Amino acid sequence: MRRPGGGRRPLTETDSELLGTLEAWIEPVTRGDPESALRWICKSTRRLADELTRQQHTVSPRTVAWLLYKAGYSLQANRKTREGSSHPDRKAQFESIDRLVRQFQNRGQPAISVDTKKKERVGDVRNAGREWHPQVRPEEVRVHDFIAKKLGKAIPYGVYDILNNPGWVSVGIDHDTVQFAANSIRRWWRQMGRRRFPRATELRITADGGGSNSSRWRLWRVSLQELADELELRLAVCHLPPGTSKWNKIEHRLFRFITKHWRRRPLVSHRAMVSLIASTTTQTGLTVQAALGTSNRSVPVIGLWRGWRPIGGAWASHRRRIRRRVRIAYAWSV
């Protein structure tokens, strides 16, 4: 048995200059407040060990890591915390949206969350993620993830029922336009909404402030008016405050599970993507229906784009119609 105090001495005792030399090397690249208890460096332990060895301080990368840990350092990544400027009443805006959605739900009226998922490349391209697969038999994909001209890209637009937890996804094959967004809501209502809410007279829509359902597009309002006339529903839209699209319900209740479900699987075709989306389920009861969208190129509408002046009384007549059924409720003015 070893006597107390026996064994090899630590390098910090046999080499009294080791810790001071290490501190001298890492001090110029230290990030953060020097007075804080937690500091971090941007040089690897292997590179620090090589530098110390050149100065006659023979040490291994593992020992350097141990010394850094004892000195109060840790291995860290970047943290996304800076959101930029925000509205001073942002909390009140979210509380207002939540109150309006609950009022609709208490009256038995539908409330949905809509958004466009990240555009996906179609073809035998690499898809992030891993899953169990036979050894030495990985699925081969192309080296370069360029968009295939014949297949193009896919644009999933989702509609999520906030109360009942089902979702609808229209997979677009062309462009993310206002008409495509309105048509996705129309298809959700015909396939799922009117069966679940047969006595509905109103529809609450929550969306972010950008993309095809942007709060700035006049064509979005006109498309909603046409949708309201066709479905005979009163539409009320709440746009989330700027820079808060990740707080949209559909982002973390539908899209994240779709991404998790098709991890590692190449999206070889639009049909394959629709099948993968439709087979997405969760233990909390999420079910998804999906369909392939048709060509959704926008048809030019004179006088309705942002920044265009109305020609004659065309826009005035549309504005009078919009006041009948569609109410665009901006979160910061509700």
C-alpha atoms as a PDB file:
ATOM      1  CA  MET A   1       0.000   0.000   0.000  1.00  0.00           C
ATOM      2  CA  ARG A   2       1.111   3.544  -0.749  1.00  0.00           C
ATOM      3  CA  ARG A   3       2.095   5.707   2.198  1.00  0.00           C
ATOM      4  CA  PRO A   4       0.167   8.965   2.762  1.00  0.00           C
ATOM      5  CA  GLY A   5       1.637  11.625   0.548  1.00  0.00           C
ATOM      6  CA  GLY A   6       3.318   9.128  -1.724  1.00  0.00           C
ATOM      7  CA  GLY A   7       3.098   8.938  -5.517  1.00  0.00           C
ATOM      8  CA  ARG A   8       3.976  11.357  -8.289  1.00  0.00           C
ATOM      9  CA  ARG A   9       3.730  15.039  -7.452  1.00  0.00           C
ATOM     10  CA  PRO A  10       1.337  17.295  -9.413  1.00  0.00           C
ATOM     11  CA  LEU A  11       2.922  19.301 -12.212  1.00  0.00           C
ATOM     12  CA  THR A  12       1.951  22.508 -10.456  1.00  0.00           C
ATOM     13  CA  GLU A  13       4.335  21.510  -7.622  1.00  0.00           C
ATOM     14  CA  THR A  14       7.207  20.169  -9.714  1.00  0.00           C
ATOM     15  CA  ASP A  15       6.941  23.028 -12.223  1.00  0.00           C
ATOM     16  CA  SER A  16       6.173  26.182 -10.288  1.00  0.00           C
ATOM     17  CA  GLU A  17       6.121  28.339 -13.456  1.00  0.00           C
ATOM     18  CA  LEU A  18       3.574  26.195 -15.323  1.00  0.00           C
ATOM     19  CA  LEU A  19       0.418  27.869 -14.043  1.00  0.00           C
ATOM     20  CA  GLY A  20       1.841  31.356 -14.498  1.00  0.00           C
ATOM     21  CA  THR A  21       2.890  30.609 -18.077  1.00  0.00           C
ATOM     22  CA  LEU A  22      -0.549  29.177 -18.856  1.00  0.00           C
ATOM     23  CA  GLU A  23      -2.244  32.263 -17.454  1.00  0.00           C
ATOM     24  CA  ALA A  24       0.048  34.467 -19.541  1.00  0.00           C
ATOM     25  CA  TRP A  25      -0.946  32.596 -22.703  1.00  0.00           C
ATOM     26  CA  ILE A  26      -4.673  32.644 -22.128  1.00  0.00           C
ATOM     27  CA  GLU A  27      -4.988  36.156 -20.694  1.00  0.00           C
ATOM     28  CA  PRO A  28      -4.885  37.965 -24.087  1.00  0.00           C
ATOM     29  CA  VAL A  29      -7.693  35.777 -25.459  1.00  0.00           C
ATOM     30  CA  THR A  30      -9.907  35.682 -22.381  1.00  0.00           C
ATOM     31  CA  ARG A  31     -13.501  36.754 -23.019  1.00  0.00           C
ATOM     32  CA  GLY A  32     -15.935  38.310 -20.576  1.00  0.00           C
ATOM     33  CA  ASP A  33     -15.579  40.274 -17.378  1.00  0.00           C
ATOM     34  CA  PRO A  34     -12.172  39.569 -15.761  1.00  0.00           C
ATOM     35  CA  GLU A  35     -13.734  40.058 -12.325  1.00  0.00           C
ATOM     36  CA  SER A  36     -16.430  37.419 -12.875  1.00  0.00           C
ATOM     37  CA  ALA A  37     -16.169  33.944 -11.375  1.00  0.00           C
ATOM     38  CA  LEU A  38     -16.619  32.247 -14.744  1.00  0.00           C
ATOM     39  CA  ARG A  39     -14.264  32.882 -17.652  1.00  0.00           C
ATOM     40  CA  TRP A  40     -13.669  31.127 -20.949  1.00  0.00           C
ATOM     41  CA  ILE A  41     -11.026  31.002 -23.666  1.00  0.00           C
ATOM     42  CA  CYS A  42     -10.987  30.528 -27.436  1.00  0.00           C
ATOM     43  CA  LYS A  43      -7.777  28.452 -27.707  1.00  0.00           C
ATOM     44  CA  SER A  44      -7.981  24.670 -27.665  1.00  0.00           C
ATOM     45  CA  THR A  45      -6.249  22.625 -24.960  1.00  0.00           C
ATOM     46  CA  ARG A  46      -4.121  20.853 -27.579  1.00  0.00           C
ATOM     47  CA  ARG A  47      -2.817  24.154 -28.924  1.00  0.00           C
ATOM     48  CA  LEU A  48      -2.098  25.434 -25.422  1.00  0.00           C
ATOM     49  CA  ALA A  49      -0.281  22.203 -24.591  1.00  0.00           C
ATOM     50  CA  ASP A  50       1.911  22.593 -27.688  1.00  0.00           C
ATOM     51  CA  GLU A  51       2.774  26.178 -26.763  1.00  0.00           C
ATOM     52  CA  LEU A  52       3.667  25.195 -23.208  1.00  0.00           C
ATOM     53  CA  THR A  53       5.794  22.288 -24.444  1.00  0.00           C
ATOM     54  CA  ARG A  54       7.783  24.663 -26.678  1.00  0.00           C
ATOM     55  CA  GLN A  55       8.595  26.691 -23.558  1.00  0.00           C
ATOM     56  CA  GLN A  56       9.980  23.636 -21.733  1.00  0.00           C
ATOM     57  CA  HIS A  57       6.738  22.937 -19.807  1.00  0.00           C
ATOM     58  CA  THR A  58       5.909  19.390 -20.876  1.00  0.00           C
ATOM     59  CA  VAL A  59       2.197  18.903 -20.350  1.00  0.00           C
ATOM     60  CA  SER A  60      -0.654  16.994 -21.992  1.00  0.00           C
ATOM     61  CA  PRO A  61      -3.930  18.487 -23.302  1.00  0.00           C
ATOM     62  CA  ARG A  62      -5.861  16.643 -20.579  1.00  0.00           C
ATOM     63  CA  THR A  63      -3.714  18.287 -17.885  1.00  0.00           C
ATOM     64  CA  VAL A  64      -4.260  21.691 -19.493  1.00  0.00           C
ATOM     65  CA  ALA A  65      -8.013  21.101 -19.374  1.00  0.00           C
ATOM     66  CA  TRP A  66      -7.774  20.185 -15.683  1.00  0.00           C
ATOM     67  CA  LEU A  67      -5.731  23.296 -14.918  1.00  0.00           C
ATOM     68  CA  LEU A  68      -8.205  25.501 -16.766  1.00  0.00           C
ATOM     69  CA  TYR A  69     -11.104  23.943 -14.852  1.00  0.00           C
ATOM     70  CA  LYS A  70      -9.355  24.589 -11.553  1.00  0.00           C
ATOM     71  CA  ALA A  71      -8.688  28.184 -12.624  1.00  0.00           C
ATOM     72  CA  GLY A  72     -12.396  28.824 -13.228  1.00  0.00           C
ATOM     73  CA  TYR A  73     -12.610  28.327 -16.996  1.00  0.00           C
ATOM     74  CA  SER A  74     -15.159  26.239 -18.894  1.00  0.00           C
ATOM     75  CA  LEU A  75     -15.835  25.170 -22.481  1.00  0.00           C
ATOM     76  CA  GLN A  76     -18.787  27.190 -23.783  1.00  0.00           C
ATOM     77  CA  ALA A  77     -20.546  28.112 -27.009  1.00  0.00           C
ATOM     78  CA  ASN A  78     -22.336  31.285 -28.064  1.00  0.00           C
ATOM     79  CA  ARG A  79     -25.687  32.104 -26.505  1.00  0.00           C
ATOM     80  CA  LYS A  80     -28.374  33.900 -28.464  1.00  0.00           C
ATOM     81  CA  THR A  81     -29.654  36.503 -26.021  1.00  0.00           C
ATOM     82  CA  ARG A  82     -29.434  39.841 -27.863  1.00  0.00           C
ATOM     83  CA  GLU A  83     -32.769  40.446 -29.551  1.00  0.00           C
ATOM     84  CA  GLY A  84     -32.260  44.082 -30.404  1.00  0.00           C
ATOM     85  CA  SER A  85     -34.795  46.760 -29.617  1.00  0.00           C
ATOM     86  CA  SER A  86     -38.289  45.683 -28.582  1.00  0.00           C
ATOM     87  CA  HIS A  87     -41.554  47.433 -27.918  1.00  0.00           C
ATOM     88  CA  PRO A  88     -41.872  48.529 -24.262  1.00  0.00           C
ATOM     89  CA  ASP A  89     -45.365  47.006 -24.114  1.00  0.00           C
ATOM     90  CA  ARG A  90     -44.422  43.638 -25.614  1.00  0.00           C
ATOM     91  CA  LYS A  91     -45.608  41.719 -22.558  1.00  0.00           C
ATOM     92  CA  ALA A  92     -48.964  43.457 -22.716  1.00  0.00           C
ATOM     93  CA  GLN A  93     -49.169  42.622 -26.417  1.00  0.00           C
ATOM     94  CA  PHE A  94     -48.751  38.890 -25.760  1.00  0.00           C
ATOM     95  CA  GLU A  95     -51.254  39.029 -22.914  1.00  0.00           C
ATOM     96  CA  SER A  96     -53.744  40.726 -25.233  1.00  0.00           C
ATOM     97  CA  ILE A  97     -53.313  38.054 -27.906  1.00  0.00           C
ATOM     98  CA  ASP A  98     -53.709  35.296 -25.318  1.00  0.00           C
ATOM     99  CA  ARG A  99     -56.858  36.907 -23.958  1.00  0.00           C
ATOM    100  CA  LEU A 100     -58.414  37.242 -27.409  1.00  0.00           C
ATOM    101  CA  VAL A 101     -57.633  33.616 -28.311  1.00  0.00           C
ATOM    102  CA  ARG A 102     -59.144  32.377 -25.036  1.00  0.00           C
ATOM    103  CA  GLN A 103     -62.291  34.398 -25.673  1.00  0.00           C
ATOM    104  CA  PHE A 104     -62.730  32.680 -29.021  1.00  0.00           C
ATOM    105  CA  GLN A 105     -62.145  29.258 -27.502  1.00  0.00           C
ATOM    106  CA  ASN A 106     -64.608  29.876 -24.669  1.00  0.00           C
ATOM    107  CA  ARG A 107     -67.283  30.742 -27.254  1.00  0.00           C
ATOM    108  CA  GLY A 108     -66.543  27.538 -29.184  1.00  0.00           C
ATOM    109  CA  GLN A 109     -64.980  29.415 -32.096  1.00  0.00           C
ATOM    110  CA  PRO A 110     -61.796  28.173 -33.821  1.00  0.00           C
ATOM    111  CA  ALA A 111     -58.421  29.798 -33.255  1.00  0.00           C
ATOM    112  CA  ILE A 112     -55.450  28.837 -35.434  1.00  0.00           C
ATOM    113  CA  SER A 113     -51.772  29.631 -35.725  1.00  0.00           C
ATOM    114  CA  VAL A 114     -50.272  29.920 -39.219  1.00  0.00           C
ATOM    115  CA  ASP A 115     -46.756  30.265 -40.594  1.00  0.00           C
ATOM    116  CA  THR A 116     -44.399  29.100 -43.330  1.00  0.00           C
ATOM    117  CA  LYS A 117     -41.833  26.473 -42.404  1.00  0.00           C
ATOM    118  CA  LYS A 118     -38.259  26.680 -43.633  1.00  0.00           C
ATOM    119  CA  LYS A 119     -37.954  26.019 -47.356  1.00  0.00           C
ATOM    120  CA  GLU A 120     -36.528  22.565 -48.041  1.00  0.00           C
ATOM    121  CA  ARG A 121     -34.424  21.321 -50.960  1.00  0.00           C
ATOM    122  CA  VAL A 122     -36.026  18.395 -52.755  1.00  0.00           C
ATOM    123  CA  GLY A 123     -33.885  15.508 -53.975  1.00  0.00           C
ATOM    124  CA  ASP A 124     -31.271  13.099 -52.684  1.00  0.00           C
ATOM    125  CA  VAL A 125     -29.530  15.732 -50.566  1.00  0.00           C
ATOM    126  CA  ARG A 126     -28.298  15.404 -47.015  1.00  0.00           C
ATOM    127  CA  ASN A 127     -30.810  15.941 -44.237  1.00  0.00           C
ATOM    128  CA  ALA A 128     -29.494  16.700 -40.752  1.00  0.00           C
ATOM    129  CA  GLY A 129     -30.006  14.223 -37.929  1.00  0.00           C
ATOM    130  CA  ARG A 130     -29.272  10.580 -37.104  1.00  0.00           C
ATOM    131  CA  GLU A 131     -31.317   7.442 -36.477  1.00  0.00           C
ATOM    132  CA  TRP A 132     -30.686   3.731 -36.014  1.00  0.00           C
ATOM    133  CA  HIS A 133     -29.580   2.011 -39.219  1.00  0.00           C
ATOM    134  CA  PRO A 134     -27.645  -1.160 -40.117  1.00  0.00           C
ATOM    135  CA  GLN A 135     -23.897  -0.718 -39.730  1.00  0.00           C
ATOM    136  CA  VAL A 136     -21.735   0.195 -42.734  1.00  0.00           C
ATOM    137  CA  ARG A 137     -24.890   0.804 -44.790  1.00  0.00           C
ATOM    138  CA  PRO A 138     -25.528   4.562 -44.703  1.00  0.00           C
ATOM    139  CA  GLU A 139     -27.915   6.023 -47.208  1.00  0.00           C
ATOM    140  CA  GLU A 140     -25.920   7.715 -49.957  1.00  0.00           C
ATOM    141  CA  VAL A 141     -26.753  11.271 -50.962  1.00  0.00           C
ATOM    142  CA  ARG A 142     -25.185  13.897 -53.177  1.00  0.00           C
ATOM    143  CA  VAL A 143     -22.006  15.644 -52.076  1.00  0.00           C
ATOM    144  CA  HIS A 144     -23.229  19.141 -52.974  1.00  0.00           C
ATOM    145  CA  ASP A 145     -26.591  20.371 -51.710  1.00  0.00           C
ATOM    146  CA  PHE A 146     -27.451  22.488 -54.726  1.00  0.00           C
ATOM    147  CA  ILE A 147     -31.109  22.861 -55.682  1.00  0.00           C
ATOM    148  CA  ALA A 148     -32.088  20.394 -58.397  1.00  0.00           C
ATOM    149  CA  LYS A 149     -33.598  22.262 -61.333  1.00  0.00           C
ATOM    150  CA  LYS A 150     -36.156  19.564 -62.102  1.00  0.00           C
ATOM    151  CA  LEU A 151     -37.271  19.106 -58.485  1.00  0.00           C
ATOM    152  CA  GLY A 152     -36.769  22.599 -57.096  1.00  0.00           C
ATOM    153  CA  LYS A 153     -37.696  23.284 -53.490  1.00  0.00           C
ATOM    154  CA  ALA A 154     -40.668  22.737 -51.210  1.00  0.00           C
ATOM    155  CA  ILE A 155     -42.498  25.392 -49.197  1.00  0.00           C
ATOM    156  CA  PRO A 156     -44.500  23.912 -46.290  1.00  0.00           C
ATOM    157  CA  TYR A 157     -47.211  26.256 -45.007  1.00  0.00           C
ATOM    158  CA  GLY A 158     -48.815  25.093 -41.776  1.00  0.00           C
ATOM    159  CA  VAL A 159     -52.124  25.701 -40.023  1.00  0.00           C
ATOM    160  CA  TYR A 160     -52.339  24.600 -36.388  1.00  0.00           C
ATOM    161  CA  ASP A 161     -55.498  24.312 -34.284  1.00  0.00           C
ATOM    162  CA  ILE A 162     -54.399  25.780 -30.952  1.00  0.00           C
ATOM    163  CA  LEU A 163     -57.128  24.128 -28.868  1.00  0.00           C
ATOM    164  CA  ASN A 164     -57.499  20.625 -30.322  1.00  0.00           C
ATOM    165  CA  ASN A 165     -53.860  19.976 -31.374  1.00  0.00           C
ATOM    166  CA  PRO A 166     -54.279  18.854 -35.024  1.00  0.00           C
ATOM    167  CA  GLY A 167     -52.287  20.418 -37.832  1.00  0.00           C
ATOM    168  CA  TRP A 168     -52.531  20.912 -41.573  1.00  0.00           C
ATOM    169  CA  VAL A 169     -49.598  21.463 -43.936  1.00  0.00           C
ATOM    170  CA  SER A 170     -49.793  22.489 -47.589  1.00  0.00           C
ATOM    171  CA  VAL A 171     -46.542  21.753 -49.419  1.00  0.00           C
ATOM    172  CA  GLY A 172     -46.029  24.423 -52.061  1.00  0.00           C
ATOM    173  CA  ILE A 173     -43.962  23.790 -55.156  1.00  0.00           C
ATOM    174  CA  ASP A 174     -43.457  27.292 -56.488  1.00  0.00           C
ATOM    175  CA  HIS A 175     -43.404  30.476 -54.390  1.00  0.00           C
ATOM    176  CA  ASP A 176     -44.470  31.568 -50.920  1.00  0.00           C
ATOM    177  CA  THR A 177     -47.175  34.039 -51.932  1.00  0.00           C
ATOM    178  CA  VAL A 178     -50.158  35.642 -50.248  1.00  0.00           C
ATOM    179  CA  GLN A 179     -52.557  33.558 -52.340  1.00  0.00           C
ATOM    180  CA  PHE A 180     -50.772  30.377 -51.264  1.00  0.00           C
ATOM    181  CA  ALA A 181     -51.152  31.321 -47.586  1.00  0.00           C
ATOM    182  CA  ALA A 182     -54.864  32.110 -47.964  1.00  0.00           C
ATOM    183  CA  ASN A 183     -55.458  28.941 -49.967  1.00  0.00           C
ATOM    184  CA  SER A 184     -53.766  26.862 -47.235  1.00  0.00           C
ATOM    185  CA  ILE A 185     -56.221  28.245 -44.679  1.00  0.00           C
ATOM    186  CA  ARG A 186     -59.053  27.505 -47.099  1.00  0.00           C
ATOM    187  CA  ARG A 187     -57.939  23.892 -47.515  1.00  0.00           C
ATOM    188  CA  TRP A 188     -57.583  23.457 -43.756  1.00  0.00           C
ATOM    189  CA  TRP A 189     -61.143  24.666 -43.230  1.00  0.00           C
ATOM    190  CA  ARG A 190     -62.566  22.342 -45.889  1.00  0.00           C
ATOM    191  CA  GLN A 191     -60.606  19.286 -44.786  1.00  0.00           C
ATOM    192  CA  MET A 192     -60.540  19.689 -41.003  1.00  0.00           C
ATOM    193  CA  GLY A 193     -61.973  22.933 -39.655  1.00  0.00           C
ATOM    194  CA  ARG A 194     -65.644  22.801 -40.598  1.00  0.00           C
ATOM    195  CA  ARG A 195     -65.960  19.213 -39.390  1.00  0.00           C
ATOM    196  CA  ARG A 196     -64.637  20.099 -35.956  1.00  0.00           C
ATOM    197  CA  PHE A 197     -66.447  23.455 -35.757  1.00  0.00           C
ATOM    198  CA  PRO A 198     -69.739  22.996 -37.618  1.00  0.00           C
ATOM    199  CA  ARG A 199     -71.389  26.010 -35.914  1.00  0.00           C
ATOM    200  CA  ALA A 200     -68.465  28.413 -36.249  1.00  0.00           C
ATOM    201  CA  THR A 201     -69.192  31.991 -37.281  1.00  0.00           C
ATOM    202  CA  GLU A 202     -65.754  33.476 -36.565  1.00  0.00           C
ATOM    203  CA  LEU A 203     -62.131  32.483 -37.010  1.00  0.00           C
ATOM    204  CA  ARG A 204     -59.173  33.867 -35.070  1.00  0.00           C
ATOM    205  CA  ILE A 205     -55.817  33.758 -36.900  1.00  0.00           C
ATOM    206  CA  THR A 206     -52.480  34.384 -35.151  1.00  0.00           C
ATOM    207  CA  ALA A 207     -49.446  34.955 -37.341  1.00  0.00           C
ATOM    208  CA  ASP A 208     -46.086  36.673 -37.311  1.00  0.00           C
ATOM    209  CA  GLY A 209     -45.580  40.009 -38.997  1.00  0.00           C
ATOM    210  CA  GLY A 210     -43.528  38.899 -42.024  1.00  0.00           C
ATOM    211  CA  GLY A 211     -43.537  36.539 -44.965  1.00  0.00           C
ATOM    212  CA  SER A 212     -46.578  35.761 -47.060  1.00  0.00           C
ATOM    213  CA  ASN A 213     -48.919  36.674 -44.177  1.00  0.00           C
ATOM    214  CA  SER A 214     -47.167  39.957 -43.470  1.00  0.00           C
ATOM    215  CA  SER A 215     -49.102  42.703 -41.741  1.00  0.00           C
ATOM    216  CA  ARG A 216     -47.839  45.169 -44.370  1.00  0.00           C
ATOM    217  CA  TRP A 217     -49.322  43.539 -47.474  1.00  0.00           C
ATOM    218  CA  ARG A 218     -52.623  44.920 -48.703  1.00  0.00           C
ATOM    219  CA  LEU A 219     -53.007  41.861 -50.887  1.00  0.00           C
ATOM    220  CA  TRP A 220     -53.047  39.737 -47.714  1.00  0.00           C
ATOM    221  CA  ARG A 221     -56.095  41.639 -46.508  1.00  0.00           C
ATOM    222  CA  VAL A 222     -57.841  41.342 -49.850  1.00  0.00           C
ATOM    223  CA  SER A 223     -57.162  37.592 -49.927  1.00  0.00           C
ATOM    224  CA  LEU A 224     -58.608  37.269 -46.436  1.00  0.00           C
ATOM    225  CA  GLN A 225     -61.693  39.188 -47.506  1.00  0.00           C
ATOM    226  CA  GLU A 226     -62.229  36.814 -50.421  1.00  0.00           C
ATOM    227  CA  LEU A 227     -61.748  33.914 -48.018  1.00  0.00           C
ATOM    228  CA  ALA A 228     -64.252  35.371 -45.540  1.00  0.00           C
ATOM    229  CA  ASP A 229     -66.848  35.837 -48.277  1.00  0.00           C
ATOM    230  CA  GLU A 230     -66.359  32.290 -49.501  1.00  0.00           C
ATOM    231  CA  LEU A 231     -66.418  30.608 -46.086  1.00  0.00           C
ATOM    232  CA  GLU A 232     -69.025  32.993 -44.639  1.00  0.00           C
ATOM    233  CA  LEU A 233     -66.891  33.564 -41.549  1.00  0.00           C
ATOM    234  CA  ARG A 234     -65.771  36.691 -39.754  1.00  0.00           C
ATOM    235  CA  LEU A 235     -61.960  36.635 -39.681  1.00  0.00           C
ATOM    236  CA  ALA A 236     -59.917  38.330 -36.958  1.00  0.00           C
ATOM    237  CA  VAL A 237     -56.134  38.383 -37.351  1.00  0.00           C
ATOM    238  CA  CYS A 238     -53.563  39.021 -34.608  1.00  0.00           C
ATOM    239  CA  HIS A 239     -49.976  39.663 -35.706  1.00  0.00           C
ATOM    240  CA  LEU A 240     -47.220  38.973 -33.207  1.00  0.00           C
ATOM    241  CA  PRO A 241     -44.855  41.840 -32.326  1.00  0.00           C
ATOM    242  CA  PRO A 242     -41.760  42.286 -34.523  1.00  0.00           C
ATOM    243  CA  GLY A 243     -38.929  39.861 -33.819  1.00  0.00           C
ATOM    244  CA  THR A 244     -41.077  37.326 -31.932  1.00  0.00           C
ATOM    245  CA  SER A 245     -41.919  34.824 -34.662  1.00  0.00           C
ATOM    246  CA  LYS A 246     -40.438  31.964 -32.600  1.00  0.00           C
ATOM    247  CA  TRP A 247     -43.189  32.522 -30.022  1.00  0.00           C
ATOM    248  CA  ASN A 248     -45.792  31.541 -32.587  1.00  0.00           C
ATOM    249  CA  LYS A 249     -47.562  28.394 -31.364  1.00  0.00           C
ATOM    250  CA  ILE A 250     -47.084  26.523 -34.624  1.00  0.00           C
ATOM    251  CA  GLU A 251     -43.311  26.799 -34.385  1.00  0.00           C
ATOM    252  CA  HIS A 252     -42.865  24.638 -31.294  1.00  0.00           C
ATOM    253  CA  ARG A 253     -46.082  22.595 -31.411  1.00  0.00           C
ATOM    254  CA  LEU A 254     -46.004  21.438 -35.032  1.00  0.00           C
ATOM    255  CA  PHE A 255     -42.907  22.367 -37.026  1.00  0.00           C
ATOM    256  CA  ARG A 256     -40.387  21.075 -34.486  1.00  0.00           C
ATOM    257  CA  PHE A 257     -41.974  17.631 -34.504  1.00  0.00           C
ATOM    258  CA  ILE A 258     -42.025  17.519 -38.300  1.00  0.00           C
ATOM    259  CA  THR A 259     -38.310  18.328 -38.383  1.00  0.00           C
ATOM    260  CA  LYS A 260     -37.629  15.670 -35.761  1.00  0.00           C
ATOM    261  CA  HIS A 261     -39.711  13.092 -37.633  1.00  0.00           C
ATOM    262  CA  TRP A 262     -37.899  13.378 -40.970  1.00  0.00           C
ATOM    263  CA  ARG A 263     -34.386  13.683 -39.555  1.00  0.00           C
ATOM    264  CA  ARG A 264     -31.678  11.962 -41.647  1.00  0.00           C
ATOM    265  CA  ARG A 265     -34.193  11.058 -44.355  1.00  0.00           C
ATOM    266  CA  PRO A 266     -33.526  12.667 -47.745  1.00  0.00           C
ATOM    267  CA  LEU A 267     -36.603  14.440 -49.108  1.00  0.00           C
ATOM    268  CA  VAL A 268     -36.370  12.771 -52.494  1.00  0.00           C
ATOM    269  CA  SER A 269     -39.669  14.138 -53.832  1.00  0.00           C
ATOM    270  CA  HIS A 270     -42.619  16.330 -52.937  1.00  0.00           C
ATOM    271  CA  ARG A 271     -44.773  13.229 -52.466  1.00  0.00           C
ATOM    272  CA  ALA A 272     -42.275  11.768 -50.024  1.00  0.00           C
ATOM    273  CA  MET A 273     -42.303  15.004 -48.060  1.00  0.00           C
ATOM    274  CA  VAL A 274     -46.109  14.969 -47.875  1.00  0.00           C
ATOM    275  CA  SER A 275     -46.040  11.364 -46.623  1.00  0.00           C
ATOM    276  CA  LEU A 276     -43.463  12.142 -43.946  1.00  0.00           C
ATOM    277  CA  ILE A 277     -45.418  15.156 -42.722  1.00  0.00           C
ATOM    278  CA  ALA A 278     -48.716  13.237 -42.631  1.00  0.00           C
ATOM    279  CA  SER A 279     -47.166  10.450 -40.538  1.00  0.00           C
ATOM    280  CA  THR A 280     -45.974  12.835 -37.808  1.00  0.00           C
ATOM    281  CA  THR A 281     -47.521  12.089 -34.417  1.00  0.00           C
ATOM    282  CA  THR A 282     -46.708  12.720 -30.749  1.00  0.00           C
ATOM    283  CA  GLN A 283     -47.665  11.163 -27.431  1.00  0.00           C
ATOM    284  CA  THR A 284     -49.674  14.293 -26.589  1.00  0.00           C
ATOM    285  CA  GLY A 285     -52.093  13.603 -29.443  1.00  0.00           C
ATOM    286  CA  LEU A 286     -50.728  15.649 -32.333  1.00  0.00           C
ATOM    287  CA  THR A 287     -52.014  14.526 -35.733  1.00  0.00           C
ATOM    288  CA  VAL A 288     -51.118  16.090 -39.051  1.00  0.00           C
ATOM    289  CA  GLN A 289     -52.719  16.058 -42.456  1.00  0.00           C
ATOM    290  CA  ALA A 290     -50.775  17.209 -45.498  1.00  0.00           C
ATOM    291  CA  ALA A 291     -51.376  17.744 -49.186  1.00  0.00           C
ATOM    292  CA  LEU A 292     -49.382  18.864 -52.162  1.00  0.00           C
ATOM    293  CA  GLY A 293     -50.125  22.403 -53.247  1.00  0.00           C
ATOM    294  CA  THR A 294     -50.645  23.433 -56.837  1.00  0.00           C
ATOM    295  CA  SER A 295     -48.726  26.151 -58.620  1.00  0.00           C
ATOM    296  CA  ASN A 296     -49.080  29.259 -56.506  1.00  0.00           C
ATOM    297  CA  ARG A 297     -47.696  32.049 -58.622  1.00  0.00           C
ATOM    298  CA  SER A 298     -49.383  35.305 -57.736  1.00  0.00           C
ATOM    299  CA  VAL A 299     -51.629  37.022 -60.262  1.00  0.00           C
ATOM    300  CA  PRO A 300     -50.882  40.770 -60.438  1.00  0.00           C
ATOM    301  CA  VAL A 301     -53.624  42.864 -58.845  1.00  0.00           C
ATOM    302  CA  ILE A 302     -53.506  46.524 -59.828  1.00  0.00           C
ATOM    303  CA  GLY A 303     -53.416  48.962 -56.962  1.00  0.00           C
ATOM    304  CA  LEU A 304     -53.185  46.428 -54.127  1.00  0.00           C
ATOM    305  CA  TRP A 305     -49.446  46.049 -53.563  1.00  0.00           C
ATOM    306  CA  ARG A 306     -47.761  48.000 -50.813  1.00  0.00           C
ATOM    307  CA  GLY A 307     -46.609  51.384 -52.026  1.00  0.00           C
ATOM    308  CA  TRP A 308     -48.931  51.519 -55.076  1.00  0.00           C
ATOM    309  CA  ARG A 309     -51.589  54.148 -55.337  1.00  0.00           C
ATOM    310  CA  PRO A 310     -55.145  52.995 -56.042  1.00  0.00           C
ATOM    311  CA  ILE A 311     -56.452  53.535 -59.550  1.00  0.00           C
ATOM    312  CA  GLY A 312     -59.840  55.211 -59.530  1.00  0.00           C
ATOM    313  CA  GLY A 313     -62.220  53.843 -56.923  1.00  0.00           C
ATOM    314  CA  ALA A 314     -61.068  50.224 -57.142  1.00  0.00           C
ATOM    315  CA  TRP A 315     -59.261  50.182 -53.801  1.00  0.00           C
ATOM    316  CA  ALA A 316     -62.008  52.158 -52.085  1.00  0.00           C
ATOM    317  CA  SER A 317     -64.552  49.478 -52.972  1.00  0.00           C
ATOM    318  CA  HIS A 318     -62.226  46.760 -51.683  1.00  0.00           C
ATOM    319  CA  ARG A 319     -61.694  48.740 -48.482  1.00  0.00           C
ATOM    320  CA  ARG A 320     -65.435  48.989 -47.875  1.00  0.00           C
ATOM    321  CA  ARG A 321     -65.758  45.233 -48.373  1.00  0.00           C
ATOM    322  CA  ILE A 322     -62.909  44.513 -45.971  1.00  0.00           C
ATOM    323  CA  ARG A 323     -64.658  46.420 -43.196  1.00  0.00           C
ATOM    324  CA  ARG A 324     -67.574  44.001 -43.329  1.00  0.00           C
ATOM    325  CA  ARG A 325     -65.969  40.773 -42.179  1.00  0.00           C
ATOM    326  CA  VAL A 326     -62.198  40.966 -41.885  1.00  0.00           C
ATOM    327  CA  ARG A 327     -60.680  42.662 -38.841  1.00  0.00           C
ATOM    328  CA  ILE A 328     -56.877  42.897 -38.874  1.00  0.00           C
ATOM    329  CA  ALA A 329     -56.001  43.231 -35.201  1.00  0.00           C
ATOM    330  CA  TYR A 330     -52.365  44.285 -34.793  1.00  0.00           C
ATOM    331  CA  ALA A 331     -50.994  43.102 -31.489  1.00  0.00           C
ATOM    332  CA  TRP A 332     -49.649  46.507 -30.566  1.00  0.00           C
ATOM    333  CA  SER A 333     -52.958  48.275 -31.086  1.00  0.00           C
ATOM    334  CA  VAL A 334     -55.453  45.752 -29.652  1.00  0.00           C
END
